[in-house]
């Protein structure tokens, strides 16, 4: 259930829907000098830069920008130390009655007439009357509370791949029913797993979600991000979440000048397509919810597996300091979550940054996550103008999303290798 990878860049025909600059062609030529900053941050390099810039910029702002809060006081301000080791504060355990109801909903869906598939799963076709109220309360927690939850107790080994996807869509439809497109072939679900054999066969290095290396803190392009663990690695693969509100509070109190840098619209995001790029901020002030981030490091720093086009402009030293400051604040306040087989981790992509440790597969223990990009249209945070294009790409009514591709067994081996959309990680 896949379609061929398009050879034309879809971004060339995307309408301008925000205050972003149009996709800019790269400068004609020149040997671009870039700061010493890596895709995965180096603490020593960061601390050296902090000391150097302190000497060069003694008159930095000492308060946050006008209109921005000095501090946030809300449920989504938390640090990893606020949670117990077993994660009982954010884990919802399904009991036997819950699991029986989910089995019943799956049987109900499969018994419906017509040639139904993943696109047809909804609250109406996947009835969960006993779980409905709890799942809707979880939706509130994700949008207006702590920002994340882990659902535990499902048994993916007893279902086929298709059945697992139907169950996944059925449960999450009560939390955020609208599903986002995850690439320009119209993929609605991604299989996140290491593709070592594909690298050997095709000779290309996939982007970070598709190999076993660690990922630095970042956000995806969606409102709500969900991962369903069909299987876990033999070693490693821990997930990390960090509160964007806590990161903001720390920087606002210790380095308010960095807040000024993060909200400017001159951050250069490489599109990884023929030297095109766009510019926008990294930090946004969401109506009714306060400051939150939207960025990933790869379009900003490039990487060994996804280098910048040689003529895409470089970030400044001040931007490099700010970008790494966000990472190390996230590292300081992160919560570590060791997902178990059958877990669904669902979180507000704006309310936190996420990362992952490296992992090793062995035998039957091979990490396999199903990823959805979701939206609850009643509870969603209002999209800032600068993010309207990204929101439209993910959730809008356009020709790419209309394709609705559902890969049931796995994502194609060439995914994000030939065609590197400025996405996540």
Protein backbone atom coordinates (compact mmCIF):
# COMPACT_ATOMS: atom_id res chain seq x y z
CA UNK A 1 0.00 0.00 0.00
CA UNK A 2 2.68 2.47 -1.01
CA UNK A 3 3.09 4.85 -3.89
CA UNK A 4 6.27 5.74 -5.80
CA UNK A 5 8.46 8.47 -4.36
CA UNK A 6 7.78 11.72 -6.17
CA UNK A 7 10.72 13.27 -8.01
CA UNK A 8 9.37 16.82 -7.97
CA UNK A 9 9.51 18.91 -4.85
CA UNK A 10 5.96 19.45 -3.55
CA UNK A 11 7.10 22.53 -1.66
CA UNK A 12 7.44 24.31 -4.98
CA UNK A 13 3.65 24.50 -5.25
CA UNK A 14 2.74 25.03 -1.59
CA UNK A 15 0.86 28.33 -1.16
CA UNK A 16 2.22 30.97 1.18
CA UNK A 17 -0.07 30.71 4.21
CA UNK A 18 1.89 32.52 6.89
CA UNK A 19 4.32 35.31 7.57
CA UNK A 20 7.21 33.04 6.60
CA UNK A 21 9.41 34.29 3.82
CA UNK A 22 8.85 32.42 0.58
CA UNK A 23 11.17 29.49 0.11
CA UNK A 24 14.36 31.29 -0.75
CA UNK A 25 16.89 30.15 -3.34
CA UNK A 26 20.34 29.68 -1.94
CA UNK A 27 22.93 32.44 -2.47
CA UNK A 28 24.72 32.03 -5.76
CA UNK A 29 28.08 31.00 -4.40
CA UNK A 30 30.51 31.33 -1.56
CA UNK A 31 32.33 29.25 0.99
CA UNK A 32 29.93 29.48 3.93
CA UNK A 33 31.61 29.61 7.32
CA UNK A 34 29.48 27.82 9.90
CA UNK A 35 29.70 27.78 13.70
CA UNK A 36 31.17 24.72 15.36
CA UNK A 37 27.85 23.11 16.25
CA UNK A 38 26.85 19.50 15.73
CA UNK A 39 23.51 17.82 15.22
CA UNK A 40 23.98 16.08 18.58
CA UNK A 41 25.28 18.79 20.95
CA UNK A 42 28.75 18.78 22.50
CA UNK A 43 28.71 20.20 26.04
CA UNK A 44 32.34 21.31 25.97
CA UNK A 45 31.85 23.22 22.72
CA UNK A 46 28.71 24.80 24.15
CA UNK A 47 30.38 25.94 27.38
CA UNK A 48 33.34 27.39 25.47
CA UNK A 49 30.95 29.34 23.26
CA UNK A 50 29.05 30.62 26.32
CA UNK A 51 32.28 31.99 27.82
CA UNK A 52 33.45 33.53 24.55
CA UNK A 53 30.14 35.27 23.86
CA UNK A 54 29.96 36.54 27.43
CA UNK A 55 33.11 38.53 26.76
CA UNK A 56 32.01 39.72 23.33
CA UNK A 57 28.45 40.69 24.31
CA UNK A 58 28.45 42.29 27.77
CA UNK A 59 25.28 44.35 27.21
CA UNK A 60 22.77 41.58 26.63
CA UNK A 61 19.06 42.02 27.51
CA UNK A 62 18.32 41.29 31.15
CA UNK A 63 14.54 40.87 30.83
CA UNK A 64 12.34 38.84 28.52
CA UNK A 65 10.85 40.55 25.46
CA UNK A 66 7.77 42.74 25.90
CA UNK A 67 4.59 40.71 25.92
CA UNK A 68 6.32 37.50 27.03
CA UNK A 69 5.83 36.09 30.54
CA UNK A 70 8.59 36.36 33.10
CA UNK A 71 7.63 32.86 34.30
CA UNK A 72 4.97 30.28 33.55
CA UNK A 73 2.82 28.80 36.31
CA UNK A 74 0.78 25.91 34.94
CA UNK A 75 0.47 22.13 34.97
CA UNK A 76 2.86 21.67 32.07
CA UNK A 77 5.74 23.14 34.07
CA UNK A 78 7.50 20.06 35.42
CA UNK A 79 10.89 18.42 35.76
CA UNK A 80 11.79 14.76 35.61
CA UNK A 81 12.36 14.72 39.36
CA UNK A 82 8.65 15.39 39.88
CA UNK A 83 7.79 11.83 38.80
CA UNK A 84 8.36 8.51 40.52
CA UNK A 85 10.61 5.88 38.98
CA UNK A 86 7.67 3.71 37.91
CA UNK A 87 5.92 6.60 36.17
CA UNK A 88 2.64 5.98 37.98
CA UNK A 89 1.69 9.67 37.66
CA UNK A 90 1.46 9.49 33.86
CA UNK A 91 0.72 5.79 33.20
CA UNK A 92 -2.82 4.53 32.56
CA UNK A 93 -3.05 0.75 32.97
CA UNK A 94 -5.73 -1.04 30.96
CA UNK A 95 -7.45 -3.78 33.00
CA UNK A 96 -9.13 -6.97 31.75
CA UNK A 97 -12.44 -5.21 31.20
CA UNK A 98 -10.75 -2.46 29.16
CA UNK A 99 -8.93 -5.00 27.01
CA UNK A 100 -12.12 -6.97 26.45
CA UNK A 101 -13.86 -3.79 25.32
CA UNK A 102 -11.06 -3.04 22.87
CA UNK A 103 -11.28 -6.58 21.50
CA UNK A 104 -15.02 -6.11 21.13
CA UNK A 105 -14.58 -2.82 19.28
CA UNK A 106 -12.10 -4.45 16.89
CA UNK A 107 -14.55 -7.28 16.21
CA UNK A 108 -17.32 -4.72 15.66
CA UNK A 109 -15.23 -2.81 13.12
CA UNK A 110 -14.27 -5.94 11.22
CA UNK A 111 -17.91 -7.04 11.06
CA UNK A 112 -19.07 -3.80 9.41
CA UNK A 113 -20.12 -4.07 5.79
CA UNK A 114 -18.01 -2.71 2.99
CA UNK A 115 -14.32 -2.71 2.19
CA UNK A 116 -13.22 -0.77 5.26
CA UNK A 117 -9.66 0.15 6.18
CA UNK A 118 -7.67 2.43 8.49
CA UNK A 119 -9.28 5.60 7.14
CA UNK A 120 -12.67 4.34 8.31
CA UNK A 121 -11.73 3.95 11.99
CA UNK A 122 -13.52 6.50 14.16
CA UNK A 123 -15.32 6.78 17.47
CA UNK A 124 -18.48 5.68 15.65
CA UNK A 125 -16.98 2.58 14.01
CA UNK A 126 -14.77 1.62 16.98
CA UNK A 127 -17.13 1.94 19.98
CA UNK A 128 -15.52 2.12 23.43
CA UNK A 129 -18.36 3.24 25.73
CA UNK A 130 -16.61 2.16 28.91
CA UNK A 131 -13.28 3.80 28.06
CA UNK A 132 -14.69 6.89 26.35
CA UNK A 133 -14.78 9.15 29.40
CA UNK A 134 -11.27 8.22 30.54
CA UNK A 135 -9.79 8.68 27.07
CA UNK A 136 -11.47 12.07 26.71
CA UNK A 137 -10.03 13.07 30.11
CA UNK A 138 -6.63 12.03 28.79
CA UNK A 139 -7.17 14.36 25.82
CA UNK A 140 -7.72 17.21 28.29
CA UNK A 141 -4.54 16.25 30.19
CA UNK A 142 -2.53 16.28 26.98
CA UNK A 143 -3.83 19.67 25.83
CA UNK A 144 -4.32 21.54 29.11
CA UNK A 145 -2.45 19.60 31.77
CA UNK A 146 0.84 17.77 32.13
CA UNK A 147 0.97 17.17 28.37
CA UNK A 148 1.66 13.44 28.06
CA UNK A 149 0.42 9.97 28.99
CA UNK A 150 1.45 6.35 28.57
CA UNK A 151 -1.33 3.80 27.95
CA UNK A 152 -0.19 0.36 29.10
CA UNK A 153 -1.48 -3.20 28.88
CA UNK A 154 -2.18 -3.86 25.19
CA UNK A 155 -0.89 -7.14 23.75
CA UNK A 156 0.22 -6.49 20.15
CA UNK A 157 1.47 -10.07 19.61
CA UNK A 158 -2.08 -11.41 19.57
CA UNK A 159 -3.09 -9.20 16.63
CA UNK A 160 -1.98 -8.96 13.01
CA UNK A 161 -0.23 -5.81 11.82
CA UNK A 162 -3.49 -4.56 10.33
CA UNK A 163 -5.38 -5.29 13.53
CA UNK A 164 -2.76 -3.45 15.58
CA UNK A 165 -3.16 -0.41 13.36
CA UNK A 166 -6.95 -0.56 13.67
CA UNK A 167 -6.72 -0.81 17.47
CA UNK A 168 -4.20 2.05 17.54
CA UNK A 169 -6.47 4.28 15.47
CA UNK A 170 -9.53 3.26 17.43
CA UNK A 171 -8.07 4.10 20.84
CA UNK A 172 -6.44 7.37 19.74
CA UNK A 173 -9.59 8.53 17.94
CA UNK A 174 -11.03 9.33 21.39
CA UNK A 175 -8.00 11.52 22.16
CA UNK A 176 -7.32 13.23 18.82
CA UNK A 177 -9.27 11.96 15.84
CA UNK A 178 -7.76 13.90 12.94
CA UNK A 179 -4.66 12.27 11.45
CA UNK A 180 -1.83 14.15 9.82
CA UNK A 181 0.18 13.40 6.69
CA UNK A 182 3.78 12.50 7.48
CA UNK A 183 5.41 12.76 4.05
CA UNK A 184 4.56 14.03 0.58
CA UNK A 185 3.57 10.57 -0.60
CA UNK A 186 0.63 10.92 1.78
CA UNK A 187 1.80 8.47 4.45
CA UNK A 188 -0.51 8.57 7.46
CA UNK A 189 1.49 6.17 9.65
CA UNK A 190 5.20 5.49 9.91
CA UNK A 191 7.00 2.38 11.12
CA UNK A 192 9.91 3.64 13.21
CA UNK A 193 12.57 0.95 13.25
CA UNK A 194 16.23 0.45 12.38
CA UNK A 195 16.71 -0.36 8.71
CA UNK A 196 20.24 -1.78 8.85
CA UNK A 197 19.65 -4.30 6.09
CA UNK A 198 18.21 -1.62 3.85
CA UNK A 199 21.34 0.47 4.33
CA UNK A 200 23.45 -2.49 3.22
CA UNK A 201 21.20 -3.15 0.24
CA UNK A 202 20.57 0.38 -1.00
CA UNK A 203 23.79 2.08 0.12
CA UNK A 204 22.01 5.13 1.54
CA UNK A 205 21.92 6.44 5.10
CA UNK A 206 18.35 7.01 6.32
CA UNK A 207 17.43 9.87 8.58
CA UNK A 208 17.67 9.41 12.31
CA UNK A 209 14.31 7.76 13.15
CA UNK A 210 15.25 4.83 10.91
CA UNK A 211 18.55 3.85 12.47
CA UNK A 212 19.60 2.93 16.00
CA UNK A 213 21.54 6.08 16.87
CA UNK A 214 20.36 8.46 19.59
CA UNK A 215 18.23 11.46 18.68
CA UNK A 216 18.64 14.91 20.27
CA UNK A 217 15.72 16.89 21.68
CA UNK A 218 13.35 18.21 19.02
CA UNK A 219 9.70 18.51 18.07
CA UNK A 220 7.88 16.95 15.13
CA UNK A 221 5.57 18.87 12.78
CA UNK A 222 2.25 17.88 14.38
CA UNK A 223 -0.01 18.92 17.26
CA UNK A 224 -0.13 15.57 19.05
CA UNK A 225 2.47 12.84 18.58
CA UNK A 226 1.75 9.20 19.37
CA UNK A 227 4.01 6.13 19.43
CA UNK A 228 2.73 2.55 19.75
CA UNK A 229 5.38 0.01 20.74
CA UNK A 230 4.83 -3.16 18.73
CA UNK A 231 8.21 -4.33 20.00
CA UNK A 232 11.13 -2.97 21.99
CA UNK A 233 14.89 -3.21 21.55
CA UNK A 234 17.10 -5.65 23.40
CA UNK A 235 19.12 -2.75 24.78
CA UNK A 236 18.46 0.98 24.99
CA UNK A 237 15.85 2.95 23.08
CA UNK A 238 14.62 4.93 26.09
CA UNK A 239 12.36 7.89 25.33
CA UNK A 240 12.91 11.29 26.94
CA UNK A 241 10.42 14.12 27.31
CA UNK A 242 11.15 17.64 28.55
CA UNK A 243 8.63 20.36 29.38
CA UNK A 244 8.89 23.34 27.04
CA UNK A 245 7.43 25.51 29.82
CA UNK A 246 10.15 24.40 32.24
CA UNK A 247 12.83 25.09 29.63
CA UNK A 248 11.34 28.52 29.02
CA UNK A 249 11.25 29.30 32.75
CA UNK A 250 14.89 28.36 33.21
CA UNK A 251 16.11 30.41 30.25
CA UNK A 252 13.85 33.36 31.12
CA UNK A 253 15.29 33.51 34.65
CA UNK A 254 18.96 32.81 33.85
CA UNK A 255 19.45 33.97 30.24
CA UNK A 256 16.57 36.16 29.09
CA UNK A 257 18.70 37.31 26.15
CA UNK A 258 18.35 33.81 24.72
CA UNK A 259 14.56 34.22 24.66
CA UNK A 260 15.09 37.29 22.44
CA UNK A 261 17.17 35.17 20.06
CA UNK A 262 14.74 32.25 19.95
CA UNK A 263 11.71 34.37 18.98
CA UNK A 264 13.37 36.12 16.03
CA UNK A 265 12.24 35.02 12.57
CA UNK A 266 15.73 34.75 11.10
CA UNK A 267 16.44 31.09 11.91
CA UNK A 268 17.36 29.29 8.69
CA UNK A 269 15.64 25.95 8.08
CA UNK A 270 17.25 23.97 5.27
CA UNK A 271 14.59 22.29 3.08
CA UNK A 272 17.20 19.78 1.81
CA UNK A 273 15.99 20.36 -1.71
CA UNK A 274 18.20 22.12 -4.27
CA UNK A 275 19.42 24.72 -1.81
CA UNK A 276 15.99 25.96 -0.75
CA UNK A 277 15.36 27.15 2.79
CA UNK A 278 12.89 29.16 4.81
CA UNK A 279 13.18 31.26 7.95
CA UNK A 280 11.04 31.40 11.09
CA UNK A 281 11.37 31.49 14.91
CA UNK A 282 12.01 28.52 17.17
CA UNK A 283 9.85 29.77 20.07
CA UNK A 284 6.20 30.86 19.85
CA UNK A 285 3.73 32.44 22.28
CA UNK A 286 0.59 30.30 21.89
CA UNK A 287 -2.70 32.04 22.65
CA UNK A 288 -3.94 30.90 26.05
CA UNK A 289 -1.06 28.47 26.58
CA UNK A 290 2.12 30.54 26.57
CA UNK A 291 5.58 29.89 25.12
CA UNK A 292 6.39 26.62 23.35
CA UNK A 293 8.91 25.40 20.78
CA UNK A 294 8.60 24.09 17.25
CA UNK A 295 11.88 23.01 15.66
CA UNK A 296 14.20 20.13 15.00
CA UNK A 297 17.97 20.41 14.84
CA UNK A 298 18.69 18.75 11.48
CA UNK A 299 17.39 21.59 9.26
CA UNK A 300 19.28 24.07 11.47
CA UNK A 301 22.63 22.34 11.97
CA UNK A 302 22.75 19.78 9.18
CA UNK A 303 24.33 16.44 10.03
CA UNK A 304 26.76 13.85 8.72
CA UNK A 305 23.82 11.87 7.27
CA UNK A 306 21.97 14.95 5.97
CA UNK A 307 24.47 17.76 5.21
CA UNK A 308 23.51 21.30 4.33
CA UNK A 309 23.50 22.40 0.74
CA UNK A 310 26.83 24.26 0.51
CA UNK A 311 25.17 27.60 -0.21
CA UNK A 312 22.43 27.56 2.45
CA UNK A 313 23.31 30.41 4.86
CA UNK A 314 24.82 29.64 8.23
CA UNK A 315 23.38 30.36 11.65
CA UNK A 316 25.18 32.87 13.85
CA UNK A 317 27.31 32.11 16.90
CA UNK A 318 24.59 33.66 19.07
CA UNK A 319 22.00 31.34 17.51
CA UNK A 320 24.29 28.35 18.03
CA UNK A 321 24.56 29.20 21.73
CA UNK A 322 20.78 29.58 22.04
CA UNK A 323 20.03 26.32 20.24
CA UNK A 324 22.38 24.32 22.46
CA UNK A 325 21.11 26.12 25.58
CA UNK A 326 17.65 24.74 24.84
CA UNK A 327 19.05 21.24 24.47
CA UNK A 328 20.97 21.28 27.75
CA UNK A 329 18.02 22.76 29.64
CA UNK A 330 15.89 19.93 28.24
CA UNK A 331 18.54 17.43 29.26
CA UNK A 332 18.53 18.81 32.80
CA UNK A 333 14.75 18.54 33.27
CA UNK A 334 13.91 15.45 31.19
CA UNK A 335 11.85 12.49 32.29
CA UNK A 336 13.06 9.10 31.06
CA UNK A 337 10.41 6.65 29.86
CA UNK A 338 11.25 3.03 29.13
CA UNK A 339 8.40 1.93 26.91
CA UNK A 340 7.16 -1.64 27.20
CA UNK A 341 5.75 -3.74 24.38
CA UNK A 342 2.14 -2.65 23.88
CA UNK A 343 2.59 0.85 25.32
CA UNK A 344 1.12 3.88 23.59
CA UNK A 345 2.91 7.11 24.47
CA UNK A 346 0.85 10.15 23.46
CA UNK A 347 2.00 13.72 24.03
CA UNK A 348 1.51 17.34 23.12
CA UNK A 349 4.20 18.10 20.56
CA UNK A 350 4.16 21.81 21.47
CA UNK A 351 4.21 21.30 25.23
CA UNK A 352 7.47 19.40 25.23
CA UNK A 353 10.59 18.37 23.39
CA UNK A 354 11.39 14.70 22.93
CA UNK A 355 14.53 12.64 22.38
CA UNK A 356 15.66 9.02 22.29
CA UNK A 357 18.71 7.04 23.37
CA UNK A 358 20.55 4.74 20.99
CA UNK A 359 19.53 1.10 20.96
CA UNK A 360 20.58 -2.38 19.87
CA UNK A 361 18.28 -4.99 18.37
CA UNK A 362 18.93 -8.68 19.00
CA UNK A 363 16.98 -11.75 17.91
CA UNK A 364 13.28 -11.19 18.37
CA UNK A 365 13.86 -8.02 20.40
CA UNK A 366 13.73 -5.52 17.55
CA UNK A 367 12.43 -2.01 18.25
CA UNK A 368 9.31 -1.25 16.19
CA UNK A 369 7.17 1.82 16.84
CA UNK A 370 4.12 3.01 14.94
CA UNK A 371 3.95 6.80 14.75
CA UNK A 372 0.86 8.92 14.25
CA UNK A 373 0.56 12.70 13.93
CA UNK A 374 -2.79 13.68 15.44
CA UNK A 375 -5.02 16.68 16.08
CA UNK A 376 -8.04 17.25 18.31
CA UNK A 377 -9.93 20.02 16.52
CA UNK A 378 -11.88 21.00 19.63
CA UNK A 379 -8.91 21.21 22.02
CA UNK A 380 -6.11 22.12 19.61
CA UNK A 381 -3.82 25.05 20.38
CA UNK A 382 -4.35 27.89 17.93
CA UNK A 383 -1.66 27.72 15.24
CA UNK A 384 0.70 30.73 15.20
CA UNK A 385 0.83 32.48 11.84
CA UNK A 386 4.43 31.45 11.27
CA UNK A 387 3.47 27.77 11.52
CA UNK A 388 0.44 27.84 9.24
CA UNK A 389 2.30 26.36 6.28
CA UNK A 390 3.56 23.41 8.32
CA UNK A 391 0.11 22.89 9.79
CA UNK A 392 -1.46 22.94 6.33
CA UNK A 393 1.05 20.41 5.02
CA UNK A 394 0.23 18.05 7.87
CA UNK A 395 -3.54 18.47 8.25
CA UNK A 396 -4.77 20.49 5.27
CA UNK A 397 -7.00 19.39 2.42
CA UNK A 398 -4.56 19.04 -0.47
CA UNK A 399 -3.58 16.51 -3.11
CA UNK A 400 -0.78 14.84 -1.13
CA UNK A 401 -2.84 14.20 2.00
CA UNK A 402 -5.72 12.99 -0.17
CA UNK A 403 -3.60 9.96 -1.19
CA UNK A 404 -3.91 8.52 2.35
CA UNK A 405 -1.17 5.87 2.16
CA UNK A 406 -1.24 3.27 4.95
CA UNK A 407 1.85 1.05 5.09
CA UNK A 408 0.73 -2.00 7.04
CA UNK A 409 3.90 -4.08 7.40
CA UNK A 410 6.64 -1.46 7.30
CA UNK A 411 7.64 1.87 5.82
CA UNK A 412 9.51 1.65 2.50
CA UNK A 413 13.29 1.31 2.72
CA UNK A 414 13.99 4.47 0.73
CA UNK A 415 11.77 6.66 2.95
CA UNK A 416 13.38 10.05 3.63
CA UNK A 417 16.57 9.05 1.83
CA UNK A 418 15.96 10.30 -1.70
CA UNK A 419 13.54 12.92 -0.49
CA UNK A 420 14.55 14.72 2.67
CA UNK A 421 11.77 16.89 3.90
CA UNK A 422 12.74 19.32 6.67
CA UNK A 423 11.04 17.24 9.29
CA UNK A 424 12.09 15.92 12.66
CA UNK A 425 15.35 15.08 14.44
